[in-house]
């Protein structure tokens, strides 16, 4: 069941980045991802300069929808470690 969820999420994110999914379809996906200090989606880049990702057409979507608001890795019992 977990693998199916990952497949659904990855397909939705792929459609989002290609422009095939409306904002209403992806705006809450970040709530299913683990909170990090950087974007939740990593892109392997095999060529080009360091600004390749910044100039990508989907950069605005990644910054708006996949940068904050994710789930913390800590359980409620260990929440004090974040403070």
PDB file of N, CA and C in Angstrom:
ATOM      1  N   UNK A   1       0.809  -1.178   0.000  1.00  0.00           N
ATOM      2  CA  UNK A   1       0.000   0.000   0.000  1.00  0.00           C
ATOM      3  C   UNK A   1       0.867   1.263   0.000  1.00  0.00           C
ATOM      4  N   UNK A   2       1.977   1.249   0.721  1.00  0.00           N
ATOM      5  CA  UNK A   2       2.882   2.397   0.748  1.00  0.00           C
ATOM      6  C   UNK A   2       3.477   2.674  -0.617  1.00  0.00           C
ATOM      7  N   UNK A   3       3.809   1.598  -1.344  1.00  0.00           N
ATOM      8  CA  UNK A   3       4.377   1.764  -2.677  1.00  0.00           C
ATOM      9  C   UNK A   3       3.367   2.394  -3.632  1.00  0.00           C
ATOM     10  N   UNK A   4       2.105   2.027  -3.495  1.00  0.00           N
ATOM     11  CA  UNK A   4       1.068   2.635  -4.320  1.00  0.00           C
ATOM     12  C   UNK A   4       0.934   4.121  -4.029  1.00  0.00           C
ATOM     13  N   UNK A   5       1.018   4.495  -2.752  1.00  0.00           N
ATOM     14  CA  UNK A   5       0.933   5.910  -2.381  1.00  0.00           C
ATOM     15  C   UNK A   5       2.100   6.693  -2.980  1.00  0.00           C
ATOM     16  N   UNK A   6       3.290   6.143  -2.915  1.00  0.00           N
ATOM     17  CA  UNK A   6       4.461   6.809  -3.494  1.00  0.00           C
ATOM     18  C   UNK A   6       4.294   6.940  -5.002  1.00  0.00           C
ATOM     19  N   UNK A   7       3.757   5.925  -5.649  1.00  0.00           N
ATOM     20  CA  UNK A   7       3.528   5.985  -7.091  1.00  0.00           C
ATOM     21  C   UNK A   7       2.524   7.080  -7.441  1.00  0.00           C
ATOM     22  N   UNK A   8       1.460   7.181  -6.672  1.00  0.00           N
ATOM     23  CA  UNK A   8       0.449   8.215  -6.915  1.00  0.00           C
ATOM     24  C   UNK A   8       1.048   9.603  -6.707  1.00  0.00           C
ATOM     25  N   UNK A   9       1.800   9.770  -5.626  1.00  0.00           N
ATOM     26  CA  UNK A   9       2.415  11.074  -5.348  1.00  0.00           C
ATOM     27  C   UNK A   9       3.442  11.462  -6.399  1.00  0.00           C
ATOM     28  N   UNK A  10       4.283  10.522  -6.785  1.00  0.00           N
ATOM     29  CA  UNK A  10       5.307  10.858  -7.775  1.00  0.00           C
ATOM     30  C   UNK A  10       4.676  11.188  -9.125  1.00  0.00           C
ATOM     31  N   UNK A  11       3.603  10.498  -9.490  1.00  0.00           N
ATOM     32  CA  UNK A  11       2.914  10.812 -10.737  1.00  0.00           C
ATOM     33  C   UNK A  11       2.255  12.188 -10.659  1.00  0.00           C
ATOM     34  N   UNK A  12       1.654  12.509  -9.525  1.00  0.00           N
ATOM     35  CA  UNK A  12       1.028  13.827  -9.360  1.00  0.00           C
ATOM     36  C   UNK A  12       2.072  14.938  -9.420  1.00  0.00           C
ATOM     37  N   UNK A  13       3.227  14.715  -8.800  1.00  0.00           N
ATOM     38  CA  UNK A  13       4.286  15.727  -8.832  1.00  0.00           C
ATOM     39  C   UNK A  13       4.844  15.879 -10.238  1.00  0.00           C
ATOM     40  N   UNK A  14       5.012  14.774 -10.938  1.00  0.00           N
ATOM     41  CA  UNK A  14       5.483  14.840 -12.330  1.00  0.00           C
ATOM     42  C   UNK A  14       4.501  15.634 -13.182  1.00  0.00           C
ATOM     43  N   UNK A  15       3.215  15.348 -13.040  1.00  0.00           N
ATOM     44  CA  UNK A  15       2.201  16.093 -13.791  1.00  0.00           C
ATOM     45  C   UNK A  15       2.207  17.568 -13.416  1.00  0.00           C
ATOM     46  N   UNK A  16       2.424  17.851 -12.143  1.00  0.00           N
ATOM     47  CA  UNK A  16       2.487  19.241 -11.685  1.00  0.00           C
ATOM     48  C   UNK A  16       3.626  19.990 -12.354  1.00  0.00           C
ATOM     49  N   UNK A  17       4.804  19.405 -12.339  1.00  0.00           N
ATOM     50  CA  UNK A  17       5.982  20.066 -12.888  1.00  0.00           C
ATOM     51  C   UNK A  17       5.907  20.223 -14.408  1.00  0.00           C
ATOM     52  N   UNK A  18       5.164  19.353 -15.055  1.00  0.00           N
ATOM     53  CA  UNK A  18       4.998  19.462 -16.506  1.00  0.00           C
ATOM     54  C   UNK A  18       3.838  20.380 -16.882  1.00  0.00           C
ATOM     55  N   UNK A  19       3.085  20.852 -15.881  1.00  0.00           N
ATOM     56  CA  UNK A  19       1.984  21.773 -16.142  1.00  0.00           C
ATOM     57  C   UNK A  19       0.654  21.098 -16.402  1.00  0.00           C
ATOM     58  N   UNK A  20       0.545  19.807 -16.127  1.00  0.00           N
ATOM     59  CA  UNK A  20      -0.686  19.074 -16.409  1.00  0.00           C
ATOM     60  C   UNK A  20      -1.627  18.926 -15.227  1.00  0.00           C
ATOM     61  N   UNK A  21      -1.296  19.514 -14.097  1.00  0.00           N
ATOM     62  CA  UNK A  21      -2.151  19.413 -12.919  1.00  0.00           C
ATOM     63  C   UNK A  21      -2.363  20.814 -12.361  1.00  0.00           C
ATOM     64  N   UNK A  22      -3.610  21.173 -12.168  1.00  0.00           N
ATOM     65  CA  UNK A  22      -3.935  22.507 -11.650  1.00  0.00           C
ATOM     66  C   UNK A  22      -3.419  22.689 -10.233  1.00  0.00           C
ATOM     67  N   UNK A  23      -3.327  23.931  -9.821  1.00  0.00           N
ATOM     68  CA  UNK A  23      -2.846  24.279  -8.484  1.00  0.00           C
ATOM     69  C   UNK A  23      -3.667  23.589  -7.397  1.00  0.00           C
ATOM     70  N   UNK A  24      -4.955  23.499  -7.579  1.00  0.00           N
ATOM     71  CA  UNK A  24      -5.816  22.850  -6.583  1.00  0.00           C
ATOM     72  C   UNK A  24      -5.455  21.376  -6.400  1.00  0.00           C
ATOM     73  N   UNK A  25      -4.870  20.761  -7.409  1.00  0.00           N
ATOM     74  CA  UNK A  25      -4.490  19.357  -7.335  1.00  0.00           C
ATOM     75  C   UNK A  25      -3.183  19.110  -6.612  1.00  0.00           C
ATOM     76  N   UNK A  26      -2.310  20.096  -6.511  1.00  0.00           N
ATOM     77  CA  UNK A  26      -1.005  19.858  -5.892  1.00  0.00           C
ATOM     78  C   UNK A  26      -0.729  20.712  -4.667  1.00  0.00           C
ATOM     79  N   UNK A  27      -1.557  21.670  -4.359  1.00  0.00           N
ATOM     80  CA  UNK A  27      -1.228  22.625  -3.313  1.00  0.00           C
ATOM     81  C   UNK A  27      -1.112  21.987  -1.922  1.00  0.00           C
ATOM     82  N   UNK A  28      -1.761  20.877  -1.659  1.00  0.00           N
ATOM     83  CA  UNK A  28      -1.688  20.239  -0.343  1.00  0.00           C
ATOM     84  C   UNK A  28      -0.792  19.007  -0.300  1.00  0.00           C
ATOM     85  N   UNK A  29      -0.113  18.686  -1.382  1.00  0.00           N
ATOM     86  CA  UNK A  29       0.755  17.508  -1.419  1.00  0.00           C
ATOM     87  C   UNK A  29       1.907  17.640  -0.421  1.00  0.00           C
ATOM     88  N   UNK A  30       2.386  18.848  -0.172  1.00  0.00           N
ATOM     89  CA  UNK A  30       3.510  19.055   0.743  1.00  0.00           C
ATOM     90  C   UNK A  30       3.198  18.561   2.157  1.00  0.00           C
ATOM     91  N   UNK A  31       1.929  18.455   2.509  1.00  0.00           N
ATOM     92  CA  UNK A  31       1.559  17.986   3.840  1.00  0.00           C
ATOM     93  C   UNK A  31       1.855  16.509   4.037  1.00  0.00           C
ATOM     94  N   UNK A  32       2.095  15.787   2.954  1.00  0.00           N
ATOM     95  CA  UNK A  32       2.436  14.366   3.027  1.00  0.00           C
ATOM     96  C   UNK A  32       3.945  14.127   3.027  1.00  0.00           C
ATOM     97  N   UNK A  33       4.719  15.182   2.847  1.00  0.00           N
ATOM     98  CA  UNK A  33       6.173  15.058   2.758  1.00  0.00           C
ATOM     99  C   UNK A  33       6.836  15.407   4.077  1.00  0.00           C
ATOM    100  N   UNK A  34       8.078  14.980   4.232  1.00  0.00           N
ATOM    101  CA  UNK A  34       8.847  15.240   5.452  1.00  0.00           C
ATOM    102  C   UNK A  34       9.418  16.645   5.397  1.00  0.00           C
ATOM    103  N   UNK A  35       9.256  17.384   6.482  1.00  0.00           N
ATOM    104  CA  UNK A  35       9.736  18.758   6.567  1.00  0.00           C
ATOM    105  C   UNK A  35      11.260  18.794   6.544  1.00  0.00           C
ATOM    106  N   UNK A  36      11.807  19.693   5.739  1.00  0.00           N
ATOM    107  CA  UNK A  36      13.261  19.885   5.631  1.00  0.00           C
ATOM    108  C   UNK A  36      13.554  21.368   5.615  1.00  0.00           C
ATOM    109  N   UNK A  37      14.813  21.708   5.694  1.00  0.00           N
ATOM    110  CA  UNK A  37      15.222  23.109   5.638  1.00  0.00           C
ATOM    111  C   UNK A  37      15.371  23.607   4.204  1.00  0.00           C
ATOM    112  N   UNK A  38      15.143  22.763   3.257  1.00  0.00           N
ATOM    113  CA  UNK A  38      15.283  23.104   1.845  1.00  0.00           C
ATOM    114  C   UNK A  38      14.057  22.575   1.105  1.00  0.00           C
ATOM    115  N   UNK A  39      14.063  22.629  -0.206  1.00  0.00           N
ATOM    116  CA  UNK A  39      12.918  22.116  -0.950  1.00  0.00           C
ATOM    117  C   UNK A  39      12.777  20.621  -0.731  1.00  0.00           C
ATOM    118  N   UNK A  40      11.542  20.139  -0.801  1.00  0.00           N
ATOM    119  CA  UNK A  40      11.249  18.730  -0.538  1.00  0.00           C
ATOM    120  C   UNK A  40      11.543  17.842  -1.741  1.00  0.00           C
ATOM    121  N   UNK A  41      11.756  18.445  -2.891  1.00  0.00           N
ATOM    122  CA  UNK A  41      12.021  17.691  -4.112  1.00  0.00           C
ATOM    123  C   UNK A  41      13.449  17.970  -4.547  1.00  0.00           C
ATOM    124  N   UNK A  42      14.215  16.926  -4.785  1.00  0.00           N
ATOM    125  CA  UNK A  42      15.600  17.058  -5.252  1.00  0.00           C
ATOM    126  C   UNK A  42      15.666  16.715  -6.738  1.00  0.00           C
ATOM    127  N   UNK A  43      16.458  17.474  -7.462  1.00  0.00           N
ATOM    128  CA  UNK A  43      16.616  17.261  -8.889  1.00  0.00           C
ATOM    129  C   UNK A  43      18.072  16.920  -9.199  1.00  0.00           C
ATOM    130  N   UNK A  44      18.338  15.731  -9.723  1.00  0.00           N
ATOM    131  CA  UNK A  44      19.709  15.446 -10.154  1.00  0.00           C
ATOM    132  C   UNK A  44      19.971  16.177 -11.476  1.00  0.00           C
ATOM    133  N   UNK A  45      21.007  16.988 -11.485  1.00  0.00           N
ATOM    134  CA  UNK A  45      21.361  17.758 -12.679  1.00  0.00           C
ATOM    135  C   UNK A  45      22.738  17.302 -13.124  1.00  0.00           C
ATOM    136  N   UNK A  46      22.817  16.829 -14.346  1.00  0.00           N
ATOM    137  CA  UNK A  46      24.049  16.239 -14.847  1.00  0.00           C
ATOM    138  C   UNK A  46      24.877  17.173 -15.713  1.00  0.00           C
ATOM    139  N   UNK A  47      24.344  18.338 -16.018  1.00  0.00           N
ATOM    140  CA  UNK A  47      25.101  19.311 -16.794  1.00  0.00           C
ATOM    141  C   UNK A  47      24.558  20.698 -16.530  1.00  0.00           C
ATOM    142  N   UNK A  48      25.212  21.695 -17.019  1.00  0.00           N
ATOM    143  CA  UNK A  48      24.765  23.064 -16.822  1.00  0.00           C
ATOM    144  C   UNK A  48      25.362  23.675 -15.572  1.00  0.00           C
ATOM    145  N   UNK A  49      25.072  24.932 -15.369  1.00  0.00           N
ATOM    146  CA  UNK A  49      25.613  25.670 -14.237  1.00  0.00           C
ATOM    147  C   UNK A  49      24.737  25.555 -13.006  1.00  0.00           C
ATOM    148  N   UNK A  50      25.141  26.230 -11.932  1.00  0.00           N
ATOM    149  CA  UNK A  50      24.388  26.140 -10.676  1.00  0.00           C
ATOM    150  C   UNK A  50      23.025  26.822 -10.727  1.00  0.00           C
ATOM    151  N   UNK A  51      22.782  27.666 -11.728  1.00  0.00           N
ATOM    152  CA  UNK A  51      21.505  28.366 -11.809  1.00  0.00           C
ATOM    153  C   UNK A  51      20.488  27.663 -12.707  1.00  0.00           C
ATOM    154  N   UNK A  52      20.776  26.444 -13.125  1.00  0.00           N
ATOM    155  CA  UNK A  52      19.873  25.726 -14.020  1.00  0.00           C
ATOM    156  C   UNK A  52      18.509  25.545 -13.371  1.00  0.00           C
ATOM    157  N   UNK A  53      18.485  25.136 -12.118  1.00  0.00           N
ATOM    158  CA  UNK A  53      17.221  24.908 -11.430  1.00  0.00           C
ATOM    159  C   UNK A  53      16.487  26.208 -11.149  1.00  0.00           C
ATOM    160  N   UNK A  54      17.199  27.264 -10.845  1.00  0.00           N
ATOM    161  CA  UNK A  54      16.562  28.544 -10.558  1.00  0.00           C
ATOM    162  C   UNK A  54      15.836  29.097 -11.784  1.00  0.00           C
ATOM    163  N   UNK A  55      16.336  28.800 -12.950  1.00  0.00           N
ATOM    164  CA  UNK A  55      15.740  29.319 -14.177  1.00  0.00           C
ATOM    165  C   UNK A  55      14.741  28.358 -14.809  1.00  0.00           C
ATOM    166  N   UNK A  56      14.499  27.220 -14.183  1.00  0.00           N
ATOM    167  CA  UNK A  56      13.564  26.244 -14.733  1.00  0.00           C
ATOM    168  C   UNK A  56      12.140  26.786 -14.661  1.00  0.00           C
ATOM    169  N   UNK A  57      11.318  26.372 -15.601  1.00  0.00           N
ATOM    170  CA  UNK A  57       9.928  26.837 -15.649  1.00  0.00           C
ATOM    171  C   UNK A  57       9.142  26.394 -14.420  1.00  0.00           C
ATOM    172  N   UNK A  58       9.487  25.272 -13.842  1.00  0.00           N
ATOM    173  CA  UNK A  58       8.769  24.745 -12.672  1.00  0.00           C
ATOM    174  C   UNK A  58       9.350  25.232 -11.352  1.00  0.00           C
ATOM    175  N   UNK A  59      10.345  26.095 -11.379  1.00  0.00           N
ATOM    176  CA  UNK A  59      10.968  26.596 -10.154  1.00  0.00           C
ATOM    177  C   UNK A  59       9.994  27.312  -9.237  1.00  0.00           C
ATOM    178  N   UNK A  60       9.091  28.080  -9.805  1.00  0.00           N
ATOM    179  CA  UNK A  60       8.108  28.798  -8.984  1.00  0.00           C
ATOM    180  C   UNK A  60       7.162  27.831  -8.280  1.00  0.00           C
ATOM    181  N   UNK A  61       6.781  26.756  -8.952  1.00  0.00           N
ATOM    182  CA  UNK A  61       5.902  25.759  -8.338  1.00  0.00           C
ATOM    183  C   UNK A  61       6.608  25.053  -7.196  1.00  0.00           C
ATOM    184  N   UNK A  62       7.866  24.691  -7.398  1.00  0.00           N
ATOM    185  CA  UNK A  62       8.628  24.014  -6.348  1.00  0.00           C
ATOM    186  C   UNK A  62       8.777  24.924  -5.137  1.00  0.00           C
ATOM    187  N   UNK A  63       9.076  26.185  -5.359  1.00  0.00           N
ATOM    188  CA  UNK A  63       9.244  27.114  -4.240  1.00  0.00           C
ATOM    189  C   UNK A  63       7.933  27.398  -3.518  1.00  0.00           C
ATOM    190  N   UNK A  64       6.834  27.429  -4.248  1.00  0.00           N
ATOM    191  CA  UNK A  64       5.550  27.717  -3.609  1.00  0.00           C
ATOM    192  C   UNK A  64       4.975  26.506  -2.883  1.00  0.00           C
ATOM    193  N   UNK A  65       5.037  25.356  -3.509  1.00  0.00           N
ATOM    194  CA  UNK A  65       4.311  24.212  -2.966  1.00  0.00           C
ATOM    195  C   UNK A  65       5.128  23.150  -2.279  1.00  0.00           C
ATOM    196  N   UNK A  66       6.443  23.170  -2.408  1.00  0.00           N
ATOM    197  CA  UNK A  66       7.255  22.073  -1.883  1.00  0.00           C
ATOM    198  C   UNK A  66       8.469  22.575  -1.108  1.00  0.00           C
ATOM    199  N   UNK A  67       8.270  23.601  -0.301  1.00  0.00           N
ATOM    200  CA  UNK A  67       9.375  24.173   0.458  1.00  0.00           C
ATOM    201  C   UNK A  67       9.109  24.204   1.957  1.00  0.00           C
ATOM    202  N   UNK A  68       7.855  24.262   2.368  1.00  0.00           N
ATOM    203  CA  UNK A  68       7.546  24.286   3.792  1.00  0.00           C
ATOM    204  C   UNK A  68       6.156  23.713   4.038  1.00  0.00           C
ATOM    205  N   UNK A  69       5.861  23.442   5.297  1.00  0.00           N
ATOM    206  CA  UNK A  69       4.554  22.906   5.660  1.00  0.00           C
ATOM    207  C   UNK A  69       4.477  21.395   5.684  1.00  0.00           C
ATOM    208  N   UNK A  70       5.636  20.734   5.590  1.00  0.00           N
ATOM    209  CA  UNK A  70       5.648  19.274   5.621  1.00  0.00           C
ATOM    210  C   UNK A  70       5.516  18.730   7.030  1.00  0.00           C
ATOM    211  N   UNK A  71       5.507  17.422   7.129  1.00  0.00           N
ATOM    212  CA  UNK A  71       5.372  16.750   8.420  1.00  0.00           C
ATOM    213  C   UNK A  71       6.725  16.635   9.109  1.00  0.00           C
ATOM    214  N   UNK A  72       6.759  16.879  10.407  1.00  0.00           N
ATOM    215  CA  UNK A  72       8.024  16.700  11.134  1.00  0.00           C
ATOM    216  C   UNK A  72       8.323  15.212  11.328  1.00  0.00           C
ATOM    217  N   UNK A  73       9.579  14.882  11.423  1.00  0.00           N
ATOM    218  CA  UNK A  73       9.985  13.498  11.657  1.00  0.00           C
ATOM    219  C   UNK A  73       9.825  13.095  13.123  1.00  0.00           C
ATOM    220  N   UNK A  74       9.765  14.075  14.012  1.00  0.00           N
ATOM    221  CA  UNK A  74       9.656  13.784  15.437  1.00  0.00           C
ATOM    222  C   UNK A  74       8.231  13.395  15.806  1.00  0.00           C
ATOM    223  N   UNK A  75       8.107  12.464  16.729  1.00  0.00           N
ATOM    224  CA  UNK A  75       6.799  12.133  17.269  1.00  0.00           C
ATOM    225  C   UNK A  75       6.410  13.195  18.288  1.00  0.00           C
ATOM    226  N   UNK A  76       5.164  13.189  18.717  1.00  0.00           N
ATOM    227  CA  UNK A  76       4.728  14.171  19.717  1.00  0.00           C
ATOM    228  C   UNK A  76       5.562  14.066  20.986  1.00  0.00           C
ATOM    229  N   UNK A  77       5.936  12.858  21.342  1.00  0.00           N
ATOM    230  CA  UNK A  77       6.728  12.632  22.544  1.00  0.00           C
ATOM    231  C   UNK A  77       8.090  13.309  22.451  1.00  0.00           C
ATOM    232  N   UNK A  78       8.649  13.426  21.266  1.00  0.00           N
ATOM    233  CA  UNK A  78       9.976  14.017  21.063  1.00  0.00           C
ATOM    234  C   UNK A  78       9.919  15.413  20.471  1.00  0.00           C
ATOM    235  N   UNK A  79       8.773  16.016  20.451  1.00  0.00           N
ATOM    236  CA  UNK A  79       8.596  17.351  19.869  1.00  0.00           C
ATOM    237  C   UNK A  79       9.478  18.401  20.557  1.00  0.00           C
ATOM    238  N   UNK A  80       9.768  18.212  21.818  1.00  0.00           N
ATOM    239  CA  UNK A  80      10.596  19.181  22.555  1.00  0.00           C
ATOM    240  C   UNK A  80      11.987  19.318  21.949  1.00  0.00           C
ATOM    241  N   UNK A  81      12.445  18.344  21.184  1.00  0.00           N
ATOM    242  CA  UNK A  81      13.776  18.398  20.574  1.00  0.00           C
ATOM    243  C   UNK A  81      13.860  19.478  19.482  1.00  0.00           C
ATOM    244  N   UNK A  82      12.720  19.857  18.930  1.00  0.00           N
ATOM    245  CA  UNK A  82      12.722  20.914  17.917  1.00  0.00           C
ATOM    246  C   UNK A  82      12.965  22.286  18.514  1.00  0.00           C
ATOM    247  N   UNK A  83      12.615  22.468  19.778  1.00  0.00           N
ATOM    248  CA  UNK A  83      12.751  23.777  20.433  1.00  0.00           C
ATOM    249  C   UNK A  83      14.119  24.057  20.939  1.00  0.00           C
TER     250      UNK A  83
END
